[in-house]
Every structure is written in structure tokens, then in C-alpha cells.
Amino acid sequence: MQARDIFEKLGFEKIWGTATDQEPAYRYDFGNIQLTATQVTNLHFKAVFLLGGVARDERSGGMIDFQMPLEVESFEQGVAFIAYAIRDFSPQKPTPWLEQGRQCAELLPWVREMRMYEGRPHCSVDWEYFRVTVQKLREQLSSADPSEVVSFEFDGEVLRIKTPHALFAMPARGVRWDQRYFLQMSKLDFLPKRITHRPVSFSIWEGKICIGSRLFPLVNPDSLPHREGVAVKPKADFA
């Protein structure tokens, strides 16, 4: 949906003859806030609406400087953008749609991204358990083949790390993961020899598994080259 359509539906006044990439600009009078919306090209060479103005009350004042996209996913998201721009101020004039926008804050991209991040698969293991596991994992690296994978699975109580040669099970805290995740066995040479984070966290985000402070790219086991005569069976049940 075009942001311009939202401004007009909310009753923003059109402004002509201003410095803008495309006319008209828009203005809304909240009593103590004169909010303007002007189309500009930002420092990243992207066309946006610059929401600006000065807000004043009996004790203090402040500047408004916020950017929103020219197109939004929905009317509600567009109103949420505007409400966020003046989040630190209380308009003198009653503005029902402004409260509705604040209630739709979950539609804002960074808020939604934060919620997704908070809901990512993750768990934590006491470092005493993982310290022993790291040592044993590193012992297997010298003979690791590019076709070999290690899998990570968490059932809400136990984190299981399965290599082609061993299964390591450790008590862990967190919410059960919906699936198993894989990475290339040979990549584990990046595991730290000494564990400094206590407890040790495991999390999945954007195609990677984070172990402590180290990131490892996840893989699809079927896409890896297999040694002749050796099959990788990543879907085998855990003991």
C-alpha cells in the first residue's frame, strides 16, 4: 500500500512548493506537534518519507526525525510507522488513529524481526558438560571427511550431538526444537579449545548455528559429496 494513500486517509494536509523529490508533501497538526512527511532520497540512495517536526509541551520540546518506506504492507503497518515516529510525545489533540497505530507496533519490521529472533531455536548447556564434549569432538576432526555431518537435536531437556562415530547427550535448558540441524563435521575445527561462556548457548538463526560466540553454517546433508561406498544417513534415529 502506498504511504501517500495512508496520509490522505488519515487527514494529512497536502503541501505544495516544498523541497521534496515528489510533490506533494504532507502535514498533520496534533496541536503541539506539526508533523510533516516529505519524500526524499536518504544516505543509502533509497527513496523514503522523512517524518519530521518539532514537538512541544509545557515543560520541554524535541525534534522528530524518522524515515518510513514509500510502500508498506498494510494500512495498519503504515499507521504504526507514523505512531512510532512520535512515540516520545503526547499530542494535545485527541487522535484515535494514533493509539491504534501504537497497538499495531508488532507489525513494524524491526519489532517482528526481534520477535522472530526471540523465538529462534536455542538452548543452553552447563559448560562442565560441553567442555568434555568439545574435547571428544575435536579428537574426531583429524579423520573427518567432507561428506560427514554432525547433527544437533534438542527435545526440551537433552541436547544430542551426533557424529558419524559417536553420540553426545547433555542436559540443556530451553524450548524443544521442531527439527534437527546439520553442519559439516570438518567445520568444527573452529570450536574453541577453551570454553569461556558459561553456560554455553546454542541457537539457530539465518542458516547458521551459534555455539557460544562461534558461528557455523548449516548444511543440507544431501548436498555434500559422499565418499565412494559410504552413505551419509542423517535421518537415523538417535539412541
C-alpha atoms as a PDB file:
ATOM      1  CA  MET A   1       0.000   0.000   0.000  1.00  0.00           C
ATOM      2  CA  GLN A   2       1.273   3.472  -0.841  1.00  0.00           C
ATOM      3  CA  ALA A   3       2.194   5.640   2.136  1.00  0.00           C
ATOM      4  CA  ARG A   4       0.647   8.599   0.309  1.00  0.00           C
ATOM      5  CA  ASP A   5      -2.733   6.883   0.396  1.00  0.00           C
ATOM      6  CA  ILE A   6      -2.392   6.431   4.138  1.00  0.00           C
ATOM      7  CA  PHE A   7      -1.546  10.087   4.753  1.00  0.00           C
ATOM      8  CA  GLU A   8      -4.605  11.171   2.814  1.00  0.00           C
ATOM      9  CA  LYS A   9      -6.925   8.697   4.564  1.00  0.00           C
ATOM     10  CA  LEU A  10      -5.693   9.959   7.951  1.00  0.00           C
ATOM     11  CA  GLY A  11      -6.415  13.546   7.019  1.00  0.00           C
ATOM     12  CA  PHE A  12      -2.907  14.843   6.407  1.00  0.00           C
ATOM     13  CA  GLU A  13      -2.890  18.219   4.662  1.00  0.00           C
ATOM     14  CA  LYS A  14      -1.178  18.362   1.262  1.00  0.00           C
ATOM     15  CA  ILE A  15       1.707  20.840   0.970  1.00  0.00           C
ATOM     16  CA  TRP A  16       2.904  22.207  -2.356  1.00  0.00           C
ATOM     17  CA  GLY A  17       6.068  24.076  -3.223  1.00  0.00           C
ATOM     18  CA  THR A  18       8.350  22.425  -0.656  1.00  0.00           C
ATOM     19  CA  ALA A  19      11.800  20.898  -1.164  1.00  0.00           C
ATOM     20  CA  THR A  20      10.890  17.298  -1.977  1.00  0.00           C
ATOM     21  CA  ASP A  21      11.681  14.646  -4.547  1.00  0.00           C
ATOM     22  CA  GLN A  22       7.998  14.381  -5.380  1.00  0.00           C
ATOM     23  CA  GLU A  23       5.090  16.637  -4.525  1.00  0.00           C
ATOM     24  CA  PRO A  24       3.003  16.947  -2.593  1.00  0.00           C
ATOM     25  CA  ALA A  25       4.449  16.732   0.894  1.00  0.00           C
ATOM     26  CA  TYR A  26       2.060  16.265   3.824  1.00  0.00           C
ATOM     27  CA  ARG A  27       1.439  17.823   7.215  1.00  0.00           C
ATOM     28  CA  TYR A  28      -0.612  16.907  10.273  1.00  0.00           C
ATOM     29  CA  ASP A  29      -1.413  19.233  13.173  1.00  0.00           C
ATOM     30  CA  PHE A  30      -1.505  17.464  16.536  1.00  0.00           C
ATOM     31  CA  GLY A  31      -1.773  20.762  18.399  1.00  0.00           C
ATOM     32  CA  ASN A  32       1.657  20.740  19.975  1.00  0.00           C
ATOM     33  CA  ILE A  33       3.229  18.819  17.077  1.00  0.00           C
ATOM     34  CA  GLN A  34       3.417  19.850  13.449  1.00  0.00           C
ATOM     35  CA  LEU A  35       4.379  16.612  11.711  1.00  0.00           C
ATOM     36  CA  THR A  36       5.498  16.774   8.084  1.00  0.00           C
ATOM     37  CA  ALA A  37       6.053  13.911   5.657  1.00  0.00           C
ATOM     38  CA  THR A  38       8.379  14.671   2.744  1.00  0.00           C
ATOM     39  CA  GLN A  39       9.652  12.278   0.093  1.00  0.00           C
ATOM     40  CA  VAL A  40      13.457  12.340  -0.064  1.00  0.00           C
ATOM     41  CA  THR A  41      16.387  10.133  -1.037  1.00  0.00           C
ATOM     42  CA  ASN A  42      18.298   9.080   2.058  1.00  0.00           C
ATOM     43  CA  LEU A  43      22.023   8.484   2.509  1.00  0.00           C
ATOM     44  CA  HIS A  44      21.598   4.916   1.272  1.00  0.00           C
ATOM     45  CA  PHE A  45      20.155   6.244  -2.016  1.00  0.00           C
ATOM     46  CA  LYS A  46      16.733   4.911  -1.136  1.00  0.00           C
ATOM     47  CA  ALA A  47      13.509   6.855  -1.589  1.00  0.00           C
ATOM     48  CA  VAL A  48      11.696   7.269   1.731  1.00  0.00           C
ATOM     49  CA  PHE A  49       9.296   9.565   3.514  1.00  0.00           C
ATOM     50  CA  LEU A  50      11.049  11.752   6.057  1.00  0.00           C
ATOM     51  CA  LEU A  51       8.758  12.390   9.015  1.00  0.00           C
ATOM     52  CA  GLY A  52       9.919  15.491  10.812  1.00  0.00           C
ATOM     53  CA  GLY A  53       8.818  18.302  13.051  1.00  0.00           C
ATOM     54  CA  VAL A  54       9.077  19.897  16.449  1.00  0.00           C
ATOM     55  CA  ALA A  55       7.063  18.769  19.455  1.00  0.00           C
ATOM     56  CA  ARG A  56       6.481  20.983  22.489  1.00  0.00           C
ATOM     57  CA  ASP A  57       4.671  20.673  25.782  1.00  0.00           C
ATOM     58  CA  GLU A  58       4.574  22.758  28.947  1.00  0.00           C
ATOM     59  CA  ARG A  59       7.994  21.583  30.153  1.00  0.00           C
ATOM     60  CA  SER A  60      10.097  20.616  27.165  1.00  0.00           C
ATOM     61  CA  GLY A  61      10.344  20.096  23.432  1.00  0.00           C
ATOM     62  CA  GLY A  62      12.000  17.779  20.995  1.00  0.00           C
ATOM     63  CA  MET A  63      12.768  17.117  17.359  1.00  0.00           C
ATOM     64  CA  ILE A  64      11.146  14.410  15.263  1.00  0.00           C
ATOM     65  CA  ASP A  65      13.353  12.772  12.633  1.00  0.00           C
ATOM     66  CA  PHE A  66      12.211   9.416  11.300  1.00  0.00           C
ATOM     67  CA  GLN A  67      12.097   7.612   7.959  1.00  0.00           C
ATOM     68  CA  MET A  68       9.393   5.298   6.666  1.00  0.00           C
ATOM     69  CA  PRO A  69       9.163   3.449   3.319  1.00  0.00           C
ATOM     70  CA  LEU A  70       7.101   4.721   0.396  1.00  0.00           C
ATOM     71  CA  GLU A  71       5.183   1.448   0.382  1.00  0.00           C
ATOM     72  CA  VAL A  72       4.010  -0.552   3.382  1.00  0.00           C
ATOM     73  CA  GLU A  73       2.426  -3.957   3.802  1.00  0.00           C
ATOM     74  CA  SER A  74      -0.902  -2.672   5.078  1.00  0.00           C
ATOM     75  CA  PHE A  75      -2.793   0.375   6.304  1.00  0.00           C
ATOM     76  CA  GLU A  76      -2.230  -0.747   9.881  1.00  0.00           C
ATOM     77  CA  GLN A  77       1.519  -1.038   9.396  1.00  0.00           C
ATOM     78  CA  GLY A  78       1.646   2.427   7.850  1.00  0.00           C
ATOM     79  CA  VAL A  79      -0.152   3.932  10.837  1.00  0.00           C
ATOM     80  CA  ALA A  80       2.238   2.036  13.126  1.00  0.00           C
ATOM     81  CA  PHE A  81       5.183   3.720  11.374  1.00  0.00           C
ATOM     82  CA  ILE A  82       3.694   7.176  11.966  1.00  0.00           C
ATOM     83  CA  ALA A  83       2.854   6.400  15.582  1.00  0.00           C
ATOM     84  CA  TYR A  84       6.405   5.199  16.163  1.00  0.00           C
ATOM     85  CA  ALA A  85       7.806   8.455  14.749  1.00  0.00           C
ATOM     86  CA  ILE A  86       6.164  10.447  17.570  1.00  0.00           C
ATOM     87  CA  ARG A  87       6.346   7.731  20.208  1.00  0.00           C
ATOM     88  CA  ASP A  88       8.038  10.044  22.742  1.00  0.00           C
ATOM     89  CA  PHE A  89       5.357  12.733  22.588  1.00  0.00           C
ATOM     90  CA  SER A  90       1.727  13.153  23.620  1.00  0.00           C
ATOM     91  CA  PRO A  91      -0.384  15.144  21.142  1.00  0.00           C
ATOM     92  CA  GLN A  92      -2.697  17.800  22.537  1.00  0.00           C
ATOM     93  CA  LYS A  93      -5.452  16.996  20.064  1.00  0.00           C
ATOM     94  CA  PRO A  94      -7.301  13.693  20.516  1.00  0.00           C
ATOM     95  CA  THR A  95      -6.118  11.376  17.757  1.00  0.00           C
ATOM     96  CA  PRO A  96      -7.799   7.938  17.925  1.00  0.00           C
ATOM     97  CA  TRP A  97      -5.867   6.508  14.970  1.00  0.00           C
ATOM     98  CA  LEU A  98      -2.583   7.264  16.733  1.00  0.00           C
ATOM     99  CA  GLU A  99      -3.427   4.895  19.572  1.00  0.00           C
ATOM    100  CA  GLN A 100      -4.451   2.268  17.038  1.00  0.00           C
ATOM    101  CA  GLY A 101      -1.035   2.650  15.420  1.00  0.00           C
ATOM    102  CA  ARG A 102       0.710   2.120  18.734  1.00  0.00           C
ATOM    103  CA  GLN A 103      -1.298  -1.034  19.268  1.00  0.00           C
ATOM    104  CA  CYS A 104      -0.048  -2.305  15.886  1.00  0.00           C
ATOM    105  CA  ALA A 105       3.635  -1.922  16.790  1.00  0.00           C
ATOM    106  CA  GLU A 106       4.106  -5.685  16.283  1.00  0.00           C
ATOM    107  CA  LEU A 107       3.745  -5.049  12.537  1.00  0.00           C
ATOM    108  CA  LEU A 108       6.876  -2.911  12.394  1.00  0.00           C
ATOM    109  CA  PRO A 109       9.680  -4.806  10.610  1.00  0.00           C
ATOM    110  CA  TRP A 110      12.283  -4.481  13.376  1.00  0.00           C
ATOM    111  CA  VAL A 111       9.774  -5.474  16.061  1.00  0.00           C
ATOM    112  CA  ARG A 112       8.719  -8.502  14.025  1.00  0.00           C
ATOM    113  CA  GLU A 113      12.375  -9.385  13.423  1.00  0.00           C
ATOM    114  CA  MET A 114      13.064  -9.139  17.150  1.00  0.00           C
ATOM    115  CA  ARG A 115      10.143 -11.446  17.938  1.00  0.00           C
ATOM    116  CA  MET A 116      11.398 -13.954  15.375  1.00  0.00           C
ATOM    117  CA  TYR A 117      14.865 -13.789  16.888  1.00  0.00           C
ATOM    118  CA  GLU A 118      13.494 -14.300  20.385  1.00  0.00           C
ATOM    119  CA  GLY A 119      11.590 -17.350  19.116  1.00  0.00           C
ATOM    120  CA  ARG A 120      14.561 -18.905  17.317  1.00  0.00           C
ATOM    121  CA  PRO A 121      15.586 -22.444  18.318  1.00  0.00           C
ATOM    122  CA  HIS A 122      18.009 -22.101  21.201  1.00  0.00           C
ATOM    123  CA  CYS A 123      19.101 -23.773  24.412  1.00  0.00           C
ATOM    124  CA  SER A 124      21.915 -23.583  26.941  1.00  0.00           C
ATOM    125  CA  VAL A 125      24.223 -26.236  28.383  1.00  0.00           C
ATOM    126  CA  ASP A 126      26.335 -26.055  31.529  1.00  0.00           C
ATOM    127  CA  TRP A 127      29.913 -25.584  30.476  1.00  0.00           C
ATOM    128  CA  GLU A 128      31.124 -28.564  32.517  1.00  0.00           C
ATOM    129  CA  TYR A 129      29.200 -30.917  30.207  1.00  0.00           C
ATOM    130  CA  PHE A 130      30.170 -29.227  26.973  1.00  0.00           C
ATOM    131  CA  ARG A 131      33.835 -28.952  27.886  1.00  0.00           C
ATOM    132  CA  VAL A 132      34.119 -32.735  27.795  1.00  0.00           C
ATOM    133  CA  THR A 133      32.098 -32.931  24.570  1.00  0.00           C
ATOM    134  CA  VAL A 134      34.334 -30.377  22.836  1.00  0.00           C
ATOM    135  CA  GLN A 135      37.420 -32.396  23.649  1.00  0.00           C
ATOM    136  CA  LYS A 136      35.899 -35.556  22.193  1.00  0.00           C
ATOM    137  CA  LEU A 137      34.590 -33.754  19.121  1.00  0.00           C
ATOM    138  CA  ARG A 138      37.993 -32.313  18.364  1.00  0.00           C
ATOM    139  CA  GLU A 139      39.539 -35.778  18.598  1.00  0.00           C
ATOM    140  CA  GLN A 140      37.385 -36.859  15.655  1.00  0.00           C
ATOM    141  CA  LEU A 141      38.285 -33.926  13.403  1.00  0.00           C
ATOM    142  CA  SER A 142      41.596 -35.281  12.114  1.00  0.00           C
ATOM    143  CA  SER A 143      39.820 -38.081  10.272  1.00  0.00           C
ATOM    144  CA  ALA A 144      36.669 -36.157   9.316  1.00  0.00           C
ATOM    145  CA  ASP A 145      35.675 -36.432   5.659  1.00  0.00           C
ATOM    146  CA  PRO A 146      33.879 -33.615   3.766  1.00  0.00           C
ATOM    147  CA  SER A 147      30.873 -35.898   3.399  1.00  0.00           C
ATOM    148  CA  GLU A 148      30.462 -36.367   7.138  1.00  0.00           C
ATOM    149  CA  VAL A 149      27.959 -34.288   9.052  1.00  0.00           C
ATOM    150  CA  VAL A 150      27.197 -33.675  12.687  1.00  0.00           C
ATOM    151  CA  SER A 151      23.609 -33.165  13.774  1.00  0.00           C
ATOM    152  CA  PHE A 152      22.085 -31.203  16.648  1.00  0.00           C
ATOM    153  CA  GLU A 153      18.735 -32.039  18.192  1.00  0.00           C
ATOM    154  CA  PHE A 154      17.077 -30.702  21.352  1.00  0.00           C
ATOM    155  CA  ASP A 155      13.966 -32.300  22.855  1.00  0.00           C
ATOM    156  CA  GLY A 156      13.417 -29.699  25.566  1.00  0.00           C
ATOM    157  CA  GLU A 157      15.570 -31.500  28.122  1.00  0.00           C
ATOM    158  CA  VAL A 158      18.545 -33.077  26.358  1.00  0.00           C
ATOM    159  CA  LEU A 159      20.762 -31.711  23.586  1.00  0.00           C
ATOM    160  CA  ARG A 160      22.049 -34.508  21.374  1.00  0.00           C
ATOM    161  CA  ILE A 161      25.054 -34.025  19.124  1.00  0.00           C
ATOM    162  CA  LYS A 162      25.526 -36.957  16.760  1.00  0.00           C
ATOM    163  CA  THR A 163      28.632 -37.506  14.647  1.00  0.00           C
ATOM    164  CA  PRO A 164      29.285 -40.462  12.329  1.00  0.00           C
ATOM    165  CA  HIS A 165      31.207 -42.103  15.168  1.00  0.00           C
ATOM    166  CA  ALA A 166      29.562 -41.057  18.436  1.00  0.00           C
ATOM    167  CA  LEU A 167      26.513 -39.619  20.166  1.00  0.00           C
ATOM    168  CA  PHE A 168      26.874 -36.960  22.862  1.00  0.00           C
ATOM    169  CA  ALA A 169      23.889 -36.216  25.079  1.00  0.00           C
ATOM    170  CA  MET A 170      23.870 -33.323  27.531  1.00  0.00           C
ATOM    171  CA  PRO A 171      21.144 -31.893  29.781  1.00  0.00           C
ATOM    172  CA  ALA A 172      20.089 -28.490  28.481  1.00  0.00           C
ATOM    173  CA  ARG A 173      17.566 -25.735  29.158  1.00  0.00           C
ATOM    174  CA  GLY A 174      15.229 -24.208  26.605  1.00  0.00           C
ATOM    175  CA  VAL A 175      12.213 -24.918  24.404  1.00  0.00           C
ATOM    176  CA  ARG A 176      12.091 -28.049  22.259  1.00  0.00           C
ATOM    177  CA  TRP A 177      13.335 -27.642  18.689  1.00  0.00           C
ATOM    178  CA  ASP A 178      10.981 -28.684  15.896  1.00  0.00           C
ATOM    179  CA  GLN A 179      13.705 -30.252  13.779  1.00  0.00           C
ATOM    180  CA  ARG A 180      17.279 -31.457  13.607  1.00  0.00           C
ATOM    181  CA  TYR A 181      20.065 -29.261  12.229  1.00  0.00           C
ATOM    182  CA  PHE A 182      23.248 -30.293  10.440  1.00  0.00           C
ATOM    183  CA  LEU A 183      26.673 -28.872   9.806  1.00  0.00           C
ATOM    184  CA  GLN A 184      29.750 -30.215   8.136  1.00  0.00           C
ATOM    185  CA  MET A 185      31.879 -32.205  10.567  1.00  0.00           C
ATOM    186  CA  SER A 186      35.157 -30.750   9.313  1.00  0.00           C
ATOM    187  CA  LYS A 187      33.973 -27.204  10.123  1.00  0.00           C
ATOM    188  CA  LEU A 188      34.091 -27.969  13.830  1.00  0.00           C
ATOM    189  CA  ASP A 189      37.820 -27.283  13.868  1.00  0.00           C
ATOM    190  CA  PHE A 190      36.647 -23.740  14.633  1.00  0.00           C
ATOM    191  CA  LEU A 191      35.372 -24.903  18.019  1.00  0.00           C
ATOM    192  CA  PRO A 192      37.254 -23.212  20.868  1.00  0.00           C
ATOM    193  CA  LYS A 193      39.737 -25.295  22.787  1.00  0.00           C
ATOM    194  CA  ARG A 194      38.819 -23.427  25.930  1.00  0.00           C
ATOM    195  CA  ILE A 195      35.254 -22.591  26.888  1.00  0.00           C
ATOM    196  CA  THR A 196      34.776 -19.088  28.266  1.00  0.00           C
ATOM    197  CA  HIS A 197      30.981 -18.653  28.036  1.00  0.00           C
ATOM    198  CA  ARG A 198      29.089 -20.149  30.955  1.00  0.00           C
ATOM    199  CA  PRO A 199      26.589 -21.598  30.298  1.00  0.00           C
ATOM    200  CA  VAL A 200      27.230 -22.412  26.640  1.00  0.00           C
ATOM    201  CA  SER A 201      24.422 -21.268  24.361  1.00  0.00           C
ATOM    202  CA  PHE A 202      23.276 -22.984  21.151  1.00  0.00           C
ATOM    203  CA  SER A 203      20.983 -21.150  18.749  1.00  0.00           C
ATOM    204  CA  ILE A 204      19.816 -21.324  15.145  1.00  0.00           C
ATOM    205  CA  TRP A 205      19.469 -18.121  13.120  1.00  0.00           C
ATOM    206  CA  GLU A 206      19.634 -17.223   9.439  1.00  0.00           C
ATOM    207  CA  GLY A 207      21.099 -20.510   8.247  1.00  0.00           C
ATOM    208  CA  LYS A 208      23.750 -20.766  10.954  1.00  0.00           C
ATOM    209  CA  ILE A 209      24.186 -22.409  14.316  1.00  0.00           C
ATOM    210  CA  CYS A 210      25.789 -20.310  17.005  1.00  0.00           C
ATOM    211  CA  ILE A 211      27.770 -22.220  19.619  1.00  0.00           C
ATOM    212  CA  GLY A 212      28.900 -19.861  22.342  1.00  0.00           C
ATOM    213  CA  SER A 213      30.315 -16.966  20.332  1.00  0.00           C
ATOM    214  CA  ARG A 214      31.208 -19.027  17.229  1.00  0.00           C
ATOM    215  CA  LEU A 215      29.065 -19.259  14.079  1.00  0.00           C
ATOM    216  CA  PHE A 216      28.897 -22.322  11.827  1.00  0.00           C
ATOM    217  CA  PRO A 217      26.947 -22.541   8.517  1.00  0.00           C
ATOM    218  CA  LEU A 218      24.225 -25.158   8.456  1.00  0.00           C
ATOM    219  CA  VAL A 219      24.150 -27.593   5.552  1.00  0.00           C
ATOM    220  CA  ASN A 220      21.806 -29.894   3.716  1.00  0.00           C
ATOM    221  CA  PRO A 221      23.493 -33.312   4.133  1.00  0.00           C
ATOM    222  CA  ASP A 222      22.251 -34.468   0.736  1.00  0.00           C
ATOM    223  CA  SER A 223      24.198 -31.684  -0.979  1.00  0.00           C
ATOM    224  CA  LEU A 224      27.595 -32.812   0.302  1.00  0.00           C
ATOM    225  CA  PRO A 225      29.899 -35.094  -1.723  1.00  0.00           C
ATOM    226  CA  HIS A 226      29.915 -38.650  -0.372  1.00  0.00           C
ATOM    227  CA  ARG A 227      32.875 -40.911  -0.196  1.00  0.00           C
ATOM    228  CA  GLU A 228      32.574 -43.816  -2.588  1.00  0.00           C
ATOM    229  CA  GLY A 229      30.838 -46.682  -0.895  1.00  0.00           C
ATOM    230  CA  VAL A 230      29.938 -44.604   2.172  1.00  0.00           C
ATOM    231  CA  ALA A 231      26.422 -43.261   2.633  1.00  0.00           C
ATOM    232  CA  VAL A 232      25.515 -40.468   4.982  1.00  0.00           C
ATOM    233  CA  LYS A 233      22.368 -41.237   6.946  1.00  0.00           C
ATOM    234  CA  PRO A 234      21.499 -38.009   8.757  1.00  0.00           C
ATOM    235  CA  LYS A 235      17.929 -39.077   9.469  1.00  0.00           C
ATOM    236  CA  ALA A 236      18.835 -42.103  11.540  1.00  0.00           C
ATOM    237  CA  ASP A 237      17.094 -42.205  14.910  1.00  0.00           C
ATOM    238  CA  PHE A 238      19.006 -41.279  17.998  1.00  0.00           C
ATOM    239  CA  ALA A 239      19.633 -43.906  20.591  1.00  0.00           C
END
